Amino acid sequence: METFFPCGPVRRSLPQNGNSLEAELNLLKFSKMNGAGNDFVVVDCSESAYVFTAESIRKLCDRKRGIGADGLILLSKSRIPGCGQVVMEFFNCDGSKAELCGNGLRCAALFAHEHGLTRDTSITFATGGGELAAEVIGRDMVRIELPVTEEFEKHENVGGFTVFKGAVGVPHAVLRMDGLDRADILRPGRLLRQHEAFAPAGVNVDFLEFGHDFSEPVQIRTYERGVEDETLACGTGIASSARVLAKFFHAPADLTFRTRSGDLVRTHLPDGDAGRIILTGPAVEVYRGTAPADRFELASVTAADSPYS
């Protein structure tokens, strides 16, 4: 069984609240958040020190028997000078670790600011996708900057589809589909996500519908790797789509996307810089709670047994 220690090697301090009520009762303290309907369990590792396994993450994210979420976000103050203010680790609901999550990054920024990990509204994060910037710009609204880590290229006749494949931290395949609102995207989503052309890592699959002049919001639906289903929104998918539309469909630098949740997310491509995408959208803390750690098979970490202390 794969084991994940929170917040990575030699990057964080263990909690200083060992005598807290939550610690005494062995309760996991968390927040439930969402970015445009893409929902997460968020844990401050400075307050909750547990060993997370792939199995415990799956149980935590189970919508019928657990808290329920598309993924888990672990946050802590960075211990390495010049390497972000906050460390962010992201796990899909199947327990797999991902380098980056755009909606998750917006939620992480709001959490870090409102829970005291930093007082700044402009925050840098150390992530699996490198150091990333975020800014809390208003009530439940966050702007983030995402990198194009693999340039998008056109691939024809992949399972009968023409797709544009690249990466914004994580791999995406983008394609156009008419009648998107009523379309079944699960079958083509599964086919492309697991297609041999994108093996072994696979891809997230983004379906778009848009007009010729982009005067109306671009409709987007995403089949997410690691969730293995459609999610209500995908931040890196929106960023990937903005890059594809600019490169292959002559879209303007500023676009608005309408997600499956009905939320609007805006993108901006800086002049002369194809490697960066600015994304602005909602991030909401729905509630804060505690849950019995042993229900999710979470073992506590102490200074004596942690390899990261």
C-alpha atoms as a PDB file:
ATOM      1  CA  MET A   1       0.000   0.000   0.000  1.00  0.00           C
ATOM      2  CA  GLU A   2       1.422   3.362  -1.026  1.00  0.00           C
ATOM      3  CA  THR A   3       1.944   5.796   1.850  1.00  0.00           C
ATOM      4  CA  PHE A   4       2.013   9.597   1.652  1.00  0.00           C
ATOM      5  CA  PHE A   5       3.377  11.680   4.491  1.00  0.00           C
ATOM      6  CA  PRO A   6       1.733  15.096   4.525  1.00  0.00           C
ATOM      7  CA  CYS A   7       3.480  17.957   2.820  1.00  0.00           C
ATOM      8  CA  GLY A   8       6.629  16.224   1.633  1.00  0.00           C
ATOM      9  CA  PRO A   9      10.128  15.620   2.937  1.00  0.00           C
ATOM     10  CA  VAL A  10      11.862  18.167   5.172  1.00  0.00           C
ATOM     11  CA  ARG A  11       9.484  20.991   4.392  1.00  0.00           C
ATOM     12  CA  ARG A  12       7.264  21.435   7.408  1.00  0.00           C
ATOM     13  CA  SER A  13       7.203  21.563  11.175  1.00  0.00           C
ATOM     14  CA  LEU A  14       5.054  19.162  13.147  1.00  0.00           C
ATOM     15  CA  PRO A  15       1.969  20.570  14.873  1.00  0.00           C
ATOM     16  CA  GLN A  16       2.528  22.509  18.049  1.00  0.00           C
ATOM     17  CA  ASN A  17      -1.003  21.863  19.350  1.00  0.00           C
ATOM     18  CA  GLY A  18      -0.508  18.341  20.621  1.00  0.00           C
ATOM     19  CA  ASN A  19      -2.717  19.120  23.656  1.00  0.00           C
ATOM     20  CA  SER A  20      -5.636  20.422  21.594  1.00  0.00           C
ATOM     21  CA  LEU A  21      -9.073  18.886  21.945  1.00  0.00           C
ATOM     22  CA  GLU A  22      -8.902  17.580  18.371  1.00  0.00           C
ATOM     23  CA  ALA A  23      -5.582  15.869  19.097  1.00  0.00           C
ATOM     24  CA  GLU A  24      -6.855  14.330  22.335  1.00  0.00           C
ATOM     25  CA  LEU A  25      -9.948  12.940  20.619  1.00  0.00           C
ATOM     26  CA  ASN A  26      -7.967  11.931  17.495  1.00  0.00           C
ATOM     27  CA  LEU A  27     -10.103  14.094  15.239  1.00  0.00           C
ATOM     28  CA  LEU A  28      -9.060  15.180  11.758  1.00  0.00           C
ATOM     29  CA  LYS A  29      -9.700  18.906  11.393  1.00  0.00           C
ATOM     30  CA  PHE A  30     -10.621  19.945   7.833  1.00  0.00           C
ATOM     31  CA  SER A  31     -12.427  22.426   5.616  1.00  0.00           C
ATOM     32  CA  LYS A  32     -14.751  21.549   2.752  1.00  0.00           C
ATOM     33  CA  MET A  33     -14.163  23.882  -0.196  1.00  0.00           C
ATOM     34  CA  ASN A  34     -14.993  24.148  -3.869  1.00  0.00           C
ATOM     35  CA  GLY A  35     -13.787  26.038  -6.904  1.00  0.00           C
ATOM     36  CA  ALA A  36     -16.622  26.346  -9.437  1.00  0.00           C
ATOM     37  CA  GLY A  37     -18.122  23.129  -8.060  1.00  0.00           C
ATOM     38  CA  ASN A  38     -14.863  21.134  -8.126  1.00  0.00           C
ATOM     39  CA  ASP A  39     -14.801  20.166  -4.438  1.00  0.00           C
ATOM     40  CA  PHE A  40     -12.009  19.355  -2.003  1.00  0.00           C
ATOM     41  CA  VAL A  41     -11.213  18.353   1.545  1.00  0.00           C
ATOM     42  CA  VAL A  42      -8.508  20.784   2.731  1.00  0.00           C
ATOM     43  CA  VAL A  43      -6.253  19.994   5.698  1.00  0.00           C
ATOM     44  CA  ASP A  44      -3.795  22.298   7.443  1.00  0.00           C
ATOM     45  CA  CYS A  45      -0.882  19.998   8.273  1.00  0.00           C
ATOM     46  CA  SER A  46       0.329  22.363  10.984  1.00  0.00           C
ATOM     47  CA  GLU A  47      -2.823  21.418  12.895  1.00  0.00           C
ATOM     48  CA  SER A  48      -3.372  17.820  11.749  1.00  0.00           C
ATOM     49  CA  ALA A  49      -0.372  15.503  11.416  1.00  0.00           C
ATOM     50  CA  TYR A  50      -1.407  12.171   9.942  1.00  0.00           C
ATOM     51  CA  VAL A  51      -0.073   9.587   7.550  1.00  0.00           C
ATOM     52  CA  PHE A  52      -2.256   9.539   4.440  1.00  0.00           C
ATOM     53  CA  THR A  53      -2.314   6.377   2.344  1.00  0.00           C
ATOM     54  CA  ALA A  54      -3.997   5.961  -1.023  1.00  0.00           C
ATOM     55  CA  GLU A  55      -6.651   3.866   0.722  1.00  0.00           C
ATOM     56  CA  SER A  56      -7.286   6.470   3.436  1.00  0.00           C
ATOM     57  CA  ILE A  57      -7.629   9.175   0.766  1.00  0.00           C
ATOM     58  CA  ARG A  58     -10.152   7.068  -1.141  1.00  0.00           C
ATOM     59  CA  LYS A  59     -12.163   6.586   2.056  1.00  0.00           C
ATOM     60  CA  LEU A  60     -11.970  10.277   2.936  1.00  0.00           C
ATOM     61  CA  CYS A  61     -13.224  11.319  -0.510  1.00  0.00           C
ATOM     62  CA  ASP A  62     -15.973   8.667  -0.732  1.00  0.00           C
ATOM     63  CA  ARG A  63     -19.255  10.546  -1.211  1.00  0.00           C
ATOM     64  CA  LYS A  64     -21.419   7.926   0.469  1.00  0.00           C
ATOM     65  CA  ARG A  65     -19.212   6.698   3.320  1.00  0.00           C
ATOM     66  CA  GLY A  66     -16.724   9.550   3.814  1.00  0.00           C
ATOM     67  CA  ILE A  67     -16.624  13.335   3.718  1.00  0.00           C
ATOM     68  CA  GLY A  68     -16.872  13.287  -0.068  1.00  0.00           C
ATOM     69  CA  ALA A  69     -14.738  15.241  -2.545  1.00  0.00           C
ATOM     70  CA  ASP A  70     -13.020  15.242  -5.917  1.00  0.00           C
ATOM     71  CA  GLY A  71      -9.682  15.461  -4.127  1.00  0.00           C
ATOM     72  CA  LEU A  72      -7.632  16.133  -0.999  1.00  0.00           C
ATOM     73  CA  ILE A  73      -5.425  19.202  -0.481  1.00  0.00           C
ATOM     74  CA  LEU A  74      -2.682  19.222   2.174  1.00  0.00           C
ATOM     75  CA  LEU A  75      -1.216  22.605   3.124  1.00  0.00           C
ATOM     76  CA  SER A  76       1.594  23.800   5.377  1.00  0.00           C
ATOM     77  CA  LYS A  77       3.955  26.718   5.753  1.00  0.00           C
ATOM     78  CA  SER A  78       7.089  26.256   3.657  1.00  0.00           C
ATOM     79  CA  ARG A  79      10.321  25.643   5.525  1.00  0.00           C
ATOM     80  CA  ILE A  80      12.634  26.364   2.608  1.00  0.00           C
ATOM     81  CA  PRO A  81      13.497  30.066   2.092  1.00  0.00           C
ATOM     82  CA  GLY A  82      12.688  31.273  -1.395  1.00  0.00           C
ATOM     83  CA  CYS A  83      10.606  28.182  -2.206  1.00  0.00           C
ATOM     84  CA  GLY A  84       7.061  29.421  -1.807  1.00  0.00           C
ATOM     85  CA  GLN A  85       5.251  30.655   1.277  1.00  0.00           C
ATOM     86  CA  VAL A  86       2.957  27.640   1.449  1.00  0.00           C
ATOM     87  CA  VAL A  87       3.437  24.007   0.420  1.00  0.00           C
ATOM     88  CA  MET A  88       0.488  22.448  -1.420  1.00  0.00           C
ATOM     89  CA  GLU A  89       0.066  18.754  -2.143  1.00  0.00           C
ATOM     90  CA  PHE A  90      -2.899  17.480  -4.132  1.00  0.00           C
ATOM     91  CA  PHE A  91      -4.406  14.000  -4.347  1.00  0.00           C
ATOM     92  CA  ASN A  92      -7.227  12.796  -6.582  1.00  0.00           C
ATOM     93  CA  CYS A  93     -10.138  10.978  -4.993  1.00  0.00           C
ATOM     94  CA  ASP A  94      -8.723   7.628  -6.187  1.00  0.00           C
ATOM     95  CA  GLY A  95      -5.668   8.249  -3.981  1.00  0.00           C
ATOM     96  CA  SER A  96      -3.285   9.140  -6.800  1.00  0.00           C
ATOM     97  CA  LYS A  97      -1.056  12.178  -6.433  1.00  0.00           C
ATOM     98  CA  ALA A  98      -1.198  14.940  -9.050  1.00  0.00           C
ATOM     99  CA  GLU A  99       1.319  17.688  -9.729  1.00  0.00           C
ATOM    100  CA  LEU A 100      -1.258  20.450  -9.911  1.00  0.00           C
ATOM    101  CA  CYS A 101      -4.937  21.350  -9.638  1.00  0.00           C
ATOM    102  CA  GLY A 102      -6.069  24.782 -10.787  1.00  0.00           C
ATOM    103  CA  ASN A 103      -9.376  24.921  -8.897  1.00  0.00           C
ATOM    104  CA  GLY A 104      -7.580  23.427  -5.915  1.00  0.00           C
ATOM    105  CA  LEU A 105      -4.923  26.137  -6.060  1.00  0.00           C
ATOM    106  CA  ARG A 106      -7.583  28.846  -5.840  1.00  0.00           C
ATOM    107  CA  CYS A 107      -9.135  27.098  -2.832  1.00  0.00           C
ATOM    108  CA  ALA A 108      -5.688  26.683  -1.269  1.00  0.00           C
ATOM    109  CA  ALA A 109      -5.035  30.424  -1.608  1.00  0.00           C
ATOM    110  CA  LEU A 110      -8.318  31.348   0.055  1.00  0.00           C
ATOM    111  CA  PHE A 111      -7.717  28.811   2.845  1.00  0.00           C
ATOM    112  CA  ALA A 112      -4.125  29.954   3.446  1.00  0.00           C
ATOM    113  CA  HIS A 113      -5.208  33.576   3.723  1.00  0.00           C
ATOM    114  CA  GLU A 114      -8.293  33.033   5.895  1.00  0.00           C
ATOM    115  CA  HIS A 115      -6.743  30.390   8.173  1.00  0.00           C
ATOM    116  CA  GLY A 116      -3.555  32.313   8.926  1.00  0.00           C
ATOM    117  CA  LEU A 117      -0.949  30.355   6.980  1.00  0.00           C
ATOM    118  CA  THR A 118      -0.088  33.790   5.602  1.00  0.00           C
ATOM    119  CA  ARG A 119      -1.516  37.283   6.030  1.00  0.00           C
ATOM    120  CA  ASP A 120      -0.712  38.174   2.439  1.00  0.00           C
ATOM    121  CA  THR A 121      -3.351  38.234  -0.277  1.00  0.00           C
ATOM    122  CA  SER A 122      -0.648  37.514  -2.875  1.00  0.00           C
ATOM    123  CA  ILE A 123       0.721  34.060  -2.094  1.00  0.00           C
ATOM    124  CA  THR A 124       3.346  31.780  -3.644  1.00  0.00           C
ATOM    125  CA  PHE A 125       2.883  28.022  -3.433  1.00  0.00           C
ATOM    126  CA  ALA A 126       5.429  25.237  -3.704  1.00  0.00           C
ATOM    127  CA  THR A 127       3.632  22.503  -5.671  1.00  0.00           C
ATOM    128  CA  GLY A 128       4.451  19.399  -7.643  1.00  0.00           C
ATOM    129  CA  GLY A 129       4.114  21.612 -10.720  1.00  0.00           C
ATOM    130  CA  GLY A 130       6.691  24.125  -9.459  1.00  0.00           C
ATOM    131  CA  GLU A 131       6.285  27.445  -7.663  1.00  0.00           C
ATOM    132  CA  LEU A 132       2.944  29.056  -8.504  1.00  0.00           C
ATOM    133  CA  ALA A 133       1.394  32.414  -7.669  1.00  0.00           C
ATOM    134  CA  ALA A 134      -2.126  33.168  -6.468  1.00  0.00           C
ATOM    135  CA  GLU A 135      -3.924  36.304  -5.335  1.00  0.00           C
ATOM    136  CA  VAL A 136      -7.112  36.646  -3.300  1.00  0.00           C
ATOM    137  CA  ILE A 137      -8.784  39.553  -5.090  1.00  0.00           C
ATOM    138  CA  GLY A 138     -12.202  39.695  -3.446  1.00  0.00           C
ATOM    139  CA  ARG A 139     -14.836  37.783  -1.570  1.00  0.00           C
ATOM    140  CA  ASP A 140     -14.613  34.177  -2.775  1.00  0.00           C
ATOM    141  CA  MET A 141     -12.630  35.225  -5.857  1.00  0.00           C
ATOM    142  CA  VAL A 142      -9.023  34.233  -6.582  1.00  0.00           C
ATOM    143  CA  ARG A 143      -6.619  34.844  -9.475  1.00  0.00           C
ATOM    144  CA  ILE A 144      -3.908  32.276 -10.221  1.00  0.00           C
ATOM    145  CA  GLU A 145      -1.075  31.913 -12.711  1.00  0.00           C
ATOM    146  CA  LEU A 146      -0.555  28.541 -14.386  1.00  0.00           C
ATOM    147  CA  PRO A 147       2.338  27.341 -16.578  1.00  0.00           C
ATOM    148  CA  VAL A 148       2.135  25.588 -19.937  1.00  0.00           C
ATOM    149  CA  THR A 149       4.501  22.709 -19.168  1.00  0.00           C
ATOM    150  CA  GLU A 150       4.064  20.931 -22.508  1.00  0.00           C
ATOM    151  CA  GLU A 151       3.095  22.827 -25.632  1.00  0.00           C
ATOM    152  CA  PHE A 152      -0.170  21.756 -27.231  1.00  0.00           C
ATOM    153  CA  GLU A 153      -0.043  19.957 -30.567  1.00  0.00           C
ATOM    154  CA  LYS A 154      -2.716  18.664 -32.918  1.00  0.00           C
ATOM    155  CA  HIS A 155      -3.333  14.894 -33.051  1.00  0.00           C
ATOM    156  CA  GLU A 156      -5.692  13.525 -35.692  1.00  0.00           C
ATOM    157  CA  ASN A 157      -7.733  10.315 -35.626  1.00  0.00           C
ATOM    158  CA  VAL A 158      -7.167   9.467 -31.963  1.00  0.00           C
ATOM    159  CA  GLY A 159     -10.044   7.084 -31.344  1.00  0.00           C
ATOM    160  CA  GLY A 160     -11.802   8.806 -34.223  1.00  0.00           C
ATOM    161  CA  PHE A 161     -11.316  12.301 -32.789  1.00  0.00           C
ATOM    162  CA  THR A 162      -9.079  15.261 -33.542  1.00  0.00           C
ATOM    163  CA  VAL A 163      -7.589  16.420 -30.262  1.00  0.00           C
ATOM    164  CA  PHE A 164      -5.020  18.937 -29.069  1.00  0.00           C
ATOM    165  CA  LYS A 165      -2.708  17.453 -26.471  1.00  0.00           C
ATOM    166  CA  GLY A 166      -0.330  19.213 -24.088  1.00  0.00           C
ATOM    167  CA  ALA A 167      -0.024  19.993 -20.407  1.00  0.00           C
ATOM    168  CA  VAL A 168      -0.646  22.733 -17.880  1.00  0.00           C
ATOM    169  CA  GLY A 169       1.063  21.022 -14.974  1.00  0.00           C
ATOM    170  CA  VAL A 170      -0.962  17.897 -15.782  1.00  0.00           C
ATOM    171  CA  PRO A 171      -1.727  16.407 -19.232  1.00  0.00           C
ATOM    172  CA  HIS A 172      -4.860  17.410 -21.150  1.00  0.00           C
ATOM    173  CA  ALA A 173      -6.467  16.469 -24.463  1.00  0.00           C
ATOM    174  CA  VAL A 174      -8.815  19.185 -25.763  1.00  0.00           C
ATOM    175  CA  LEU A 175     -11.446  18.708 -28.480  1.00  0.00           C
ATOM    176  CA  ARG A 176     -14.445  20.488 -29.944  1.00  0.00           C
ATOM    177  CA  MET A 177     -17.937  19.006 -29.633  1.00  0.00           C
ATOM    178  CA  ASP A 178     -21.233  20.472 -30.848  1.00  0.00           C
ATOM    179  CA  GLY A 179     -24.356  20.083 -28.730  1.00  0.00           C
ATOM    180  CA  LEU A 180     -22.146  19.792 -25.686  1.00  0.00           C
ATOM    181  CA  ASP A 181     -24.790  20.571 -23.089  1.00  0.00           C
ATOM    182  CA  ARG A 182     -26.720  17.371 -23.901  1.00  0.00           C
ATOM    183  CA  ALA A 183     -23.816  15.216 -25.053  1.00  0.00           C
ATOM    184  CA  ASP A 184     -22.648  12.020 -23.380  1.00  0.00           C
ATOM    185  CA  ILE A 185     -18.993  12.755 -22.664  1.00  0.00           C
ATOM    186  CA  LEU A 186     -18.339   9.748 -20.442  1.00  0.00           C
ATOM    187  CA  ARG A 187     -17.798   7.246 -23.256  1.00  0.00           C
ATOM    188  CA  PRO A 188     -15.404   9.385 -25.350  1.00  0.00           C
ATOM    189  CA  GLY A 189     -13.865  10.710 -22.134  1.00  0.00           C
ATOM    190  CA  ARG A 190     -12.924   7.218 -20.949  1.00  0.00           C
ATOM    191  CA  LEU A 191     -11.712   6.224 -24.399  1.00  0.00           C
ATOM    192  CA  LEU A 192      -9.366   9.200 -24.762  1.00  0.00           C
ATOM    193  CA  ARG A 193      -8.254   9.263 -21.129  1.00  0.00           C
ATOM    194  CA  GLN A 194      -6.935   5.700 -21.492  1.00  0.00           C
ATOM    195  CA  HIS A 195      -5.936   5.806 -25.182  1.00  0.00           C
ATOM    196  CA  GLU A 196      -2.629   4.182 -26.054  1.00  0.00           C
ATOM    197  CA  ALA A 197      -1.542   7.399 -27.773  1.00  0.00           C
ATOM    198  CA  PHE A 198      -1.326   9.008 -24.333  1.00  0.00           C
ATOM    199  CA  ALA A 199       0.000   6.049 -22.366  1.00  0.00           C
ATOM    200  CA  PRO A 200       1.190   5.461 -19.772  1.00  0.00           C
ATOM    201  CA  ALA A 201       0.188   8.624 -17.892  1.00  0.00           C
ATOM    202  CA  GLY A 202      -3.136   9.174 -19.642  1.00  0.00           C
ATOM    203  CA  VAL A 203      -4.856  12.543 -19.951  1.00  0.00           C
ATOM    204  CA  ASN A 204      -7.689  14.661 -18.682  1.00  0.00           C
ATOM    205  CA  VAL A 205     -10.170  15.249 -21.501  1.00  0.00           C
ATOM    206  CA  ASP A 206     -11.767  18.645 -22.143  1.00  0.00           C
ATOM    207  CA  PHE A 207     -14.777  19.074 -24.450  1.00  0.00           C
ATOM    208  CA  LEU A 208     -15.512  22.555 -25.813  1.00  0.00           C
ATOM    209  CA  GLU A 209     -18.324  24.286 -27.664  1.00  0.00           C
ATOM    210  CA  PHE A 210     -17.793  27.842 -28.892  1.00  0.00           C
ATOM    211  CA  GLY A 211     -18.895  30.346 -31.514  1.00  0.00           C
ATOM    212  CA  HIS A 212     -16.722  31.755 -34.274  1.00  0.00           C
ATOM    213  CA  ASP A 213     -16.283  35.178 -32.642  1.00  0.00           C
ATOM    214  CA  PHE A 214     -16.027  34.082 -28.971  1.00  0.00           C
ATOM    215  CA  SER A 215     -18.546  36.748 -27.946  1.00  0.00           C
ATOM    216  CA  GLU A 216     -20.331  34.217 -25.723  1.00  0.00           C
ATOM    217  CA  PRO A 217     -18.712  32.143 -22.972  1.00  0.00           C
ATOM    218  CA  VAL A 218     -16.959  28.982 -24.113  1.00  0.00           C
ATOM    219  CA  GLN A 219     -18.811  25.934 -22.832  1.00  0.00           C
ATOM    220  CA  ILE A 220     -16.492  23.366 -21.229  1.00  0.00           C
ATOM    221  CA  ARG A 221     -16.961  19.919 -19.738  1.00  0.00           C
ATOM    222  CA  THR A 222     -14.103  17.776 -18.427  1.00  0.00           C
ATOM    223  CA  TYR A 223     -13.540  14.076 -17.828  1.00  0.00           C
ATOM    224  CA  GLU A 224     -10.879  13.990 -15.118  1.00  0.00           C
ATOM    225  CA  ARG A 225      -8.094  11.492 -14.705  1.00  0.00           C
ATOM    226  CA  GLY A 226      -7.937  10.263 -11.112  1.00  0.00           C
ATOM    227  CA  VAL A 227     -11.619  11.001 -10.579  1.00  0.00           C
ATOM    228  CA  GLU A 228     -12.486   8.807 -13.594  1.00  0.00           C
ATOM    229  CA  ASP A 229     -15.676  10.752 -14.168  1.00  0.00           C
ATOM    230  CA  GLU A 230     -16.913  14.155 -15.190  1.00  0.00           C
ATOM    231  CA  THR A 231     -16.323  16.925 -12.660  1.00  0.00           C
ATOM    232  CA  LEU A 232     -18.226  20.198 -12.454  1.00  0.00           C
ATOM    233  CA  ALA A 233     -15.091  22.173 -13.348  1.00  0.00           C
ATOM    234  CA  CYS A 234     -11.380  21.752 -14.017  1.00  0.00           C
ATOM    235  CA  GLY A 235      -9.034  24.729 -13.692  1.00  0.00           C
ATOM    236  CA  THR A 236      -6.091  23.265 -15.593  1.00  0.00           C
ATOM    237  CA  GLY A 237      -8.575  22.124 -18.240  1.00  0.00           C
ATOM    238  CA  ILE A 238      -9.843  25.679 -18.661  1.00  0.00           C
ATOM    239  CA  ALA A 239      -6.272  26.981 -18.869  1.00  0.00           C
ATOM    240  CA  SER A 240      -5.372  24.279 -21.404  1.00  0.00           C
ATOM    241  CA  SER A 241      -8.421  25.149 -23.484  1.00  0.00           C
ATOM    242  CA  ALA A 242      -7.548  28.854 -23.469  1.00  0.00           C
ATOM    243  CA  ARG A 243      -4.113  28.020 -24.876  1.00  0.00           C
ATOM    244  CA  VAL A 244      -5.551  25.676 -27.519  1.00  0.00           C
ATOM    245  CA  LEU A 245      -8.168  28.213 -28.625  1.00  0.00           C
ATOM    246  CA  ALA A 246      -5.571  30.967 -28.967  1.00  0.00           C
ATOM    247  CA  LYS A 247      -3.083  28.800 -30.865  1.00  0.00           C
ATOM    248  CA  PHE A 248      -5.388  26.880 -33.202  1.00  0.00           C
ATOM    249  CA  PHE A 249      -8.655  28.858 -33.392  1.00  0.00           C
ATOM    250  CA  HIS A 250      -7.429  32.493 -33.276  1.00  0.00           C
ATOM    251  CA  ALA A 251      -9.250  33.233 -30.017  1.00  0.00           C
ATOM    252  CA  PRO A 252      -8.553  36.533 -28.231  1.00  0.00           C
ATOM    253  CA  ALA A 253      -6.260  36.769 -25.224  1.00  0.00           C
ATOM    254  CA  ASP A 254      -9.200  37.213 -22.854  1.00  0.00           C
ATOM    255  CA  LEU A 255     -11.882  34.526 -22.686  1.00  0.00           C
ATOM    256  CA  THR A 256     -14.752  33.543 -20.423  1.00  0.00           C
ATOM    257  CA  PHE A 257     -15.613  29.884 -19.820  1.00  0.00           C
ATOM    258  CA  ARG A 258     -18.865  28.500 -18.473  1.00  0.00           C
ATOM    259  CA  THR A 259     -18.313  25.327 -16.461  1.00  0.00           C
ATOM    260  CA  ARG A 260     -20.713  22.425 -15.977  1.00  0.00           C
ATOM    261  CA  SER A 261     -21.619  23.972 -12.606  1.00  0.00           C
ATOM    262  CA  GLY A 262     -22.730  27.160 -14.384  1.00  0.00           C
ATOM    263  CA  ASP A 263     -19.891  29.229 -12.906  1.00  0.00           C
ATOM    264  CA  LEU A 264     -17.935  31.662 -15.047  1.00  0.00           C
ATOM    265  CA  VAL A 265     -14.136  31.465 -15.093  1.00  0.00           C
ATOM    266  CA  ARG A 266     -11.998  33.994 -16.948  1.00  0.00           C
ATOM    267  CA  THR A 267      -8.624  33.512 -18.591  1.00  0.00           C
ATOM    268  CA  HIS A 268      -5.970  35.895 -19.855  1.00  0.00           C
ATOM    269  CA  LEU A 269      -2.913  35.109 -21.973  1.00  0.00           C
ATOM    270  CA  PRO A 270      -0.200  37.754 -21.432  1.00  0.00           C
ATOM    271  CA  ASP A 271       1.166  39.364 -24.599  1.00  0.00           C
ATOM    272  CA  GLY A 272       4.178  37.596 -26.030  1.00  0.00           C
ATOM    273  CA  ASP A 273       4.174  34.860 -23.385  1.00  0.00           C
ATOM    274  CA  ALA A 274       2.731  31.539 -24.515  1.00  0.00           C
ATOM    275  CA  GLY A 275       3.989  29.853 -21.372  1.00  0.00           C
ATOM    276  CA  ARG A 276       1.666  31.501 -18.834  1.00  0.00           C
ATOM    277  CA  ILE A 277      -2.099  31.579 -18.352  1.00  0.00           C
ATOM    278  CA  ILE A 278      -3.874  33.818 -15.840  1.00  0.00           C
ATOM    279  CA  LEU A 279      -7.095  32.299 -14.527  1.00  0.00           C
ATOM    280  CA  THR A 280      -9.667  34.057 -12.336  1.00  0.00           C
ATOM    281  CA  GLY A 281     -12.581  32.275 -10.723  1.00  0.00           C
ATOM    282  CA  PRO A 282     -14.512  31.471  -7.565  1.00  0.00           C
ATOM    283  CA  ALA A 283     -13.243  29.674  -4.463  1.00  0.00           C
ATOM    284  CA  VAL A 284     -15.596  29.012  -1.574  1.00  0.00           C
ATOM    285  CA  GLU A 285     -15.211  27.535   1.896  1.00  0.00           C
ATOM    286  CA  VAL A 286     -18.490  25.714   2.471  1.00  0.00           C
ATOM    287  CA  TYR A 287     -17.901  24.537   6.029  1.00  0.00           C
ATOM    288  CA  ARG A 288     -15.303  23.528   8.629  1.00  0.00           C
ATOM    289  CA  GLY A 289     -15.477  20.251  10.484  1.00  0.00           C
ATOM    290  CA  THR A 290     -13.813  17.400  12.314  1.00  0.00           C
ATOM    291  CA  ALA A 291     -14.009  13.661  11.701  1.00  0.00           C
ATOM    292  CA  PRO A 292     -12.682  10.609  13.584  1.00  0.00           C
ATOM    293  CA  ALA A 293      -9.230   9.924  12.111  1.00  0.00           C
ATOM    294  CA  ASP A 294      -9.456   6.187  12.729  1.00  0.00           C
ATOM    295  CA  ARG A 295     -12.551   5.976  10.529  1.00  0.00           C
ATOM    296  CA  PHE A 296     -10.286   6.742   7.573  1.00  0.00           C
ATOM    297  CA  GLU A 297      -7.368   4.654   8.878  1.00  0.00           C
ATOM    298  CA  LEU A 298      -5.255   7.750   9.505  1.00  0.00           C
ATOM    299  CA  ALA A 299      -2.303   7.180  11.828  1.00  0.00           C
ATOM    300  CA  SER A 300      -0.927  10.191  13.695  1.00  0.00           C
ATOM    301  CA  VAL A 301       2.641  11.362  13.132  1.00  0.00           C
ATOM    302  CA  THR A 302       4.932  12.338  16.007  1.00  0.00           C
ATOM    303  CA  ALA A 303       8.362  13.883  16.062  1.00  0.00           C
ATOM    304  CA  ALA A 304       9.772  10.499  17.040  1.00  0.00           C
ATOM    305  CA  ASP A 305       8.374   8.513  14.124  1.00  0.00           C
ATOM    306  CA  SER A 306       8.243  11.108  11.348  1.00  0.00           C
ATOM    307  CA  PRO A 307      11.067  10.982   8.796  1.00  0.00           C
ATOM    308  CA  TYR A 308      10.340  14.628   7.998  1.00  0.00           C
ATOM    309  CA  SER A 309      10.730  16.241  11.411  1.00  0.00           C
END
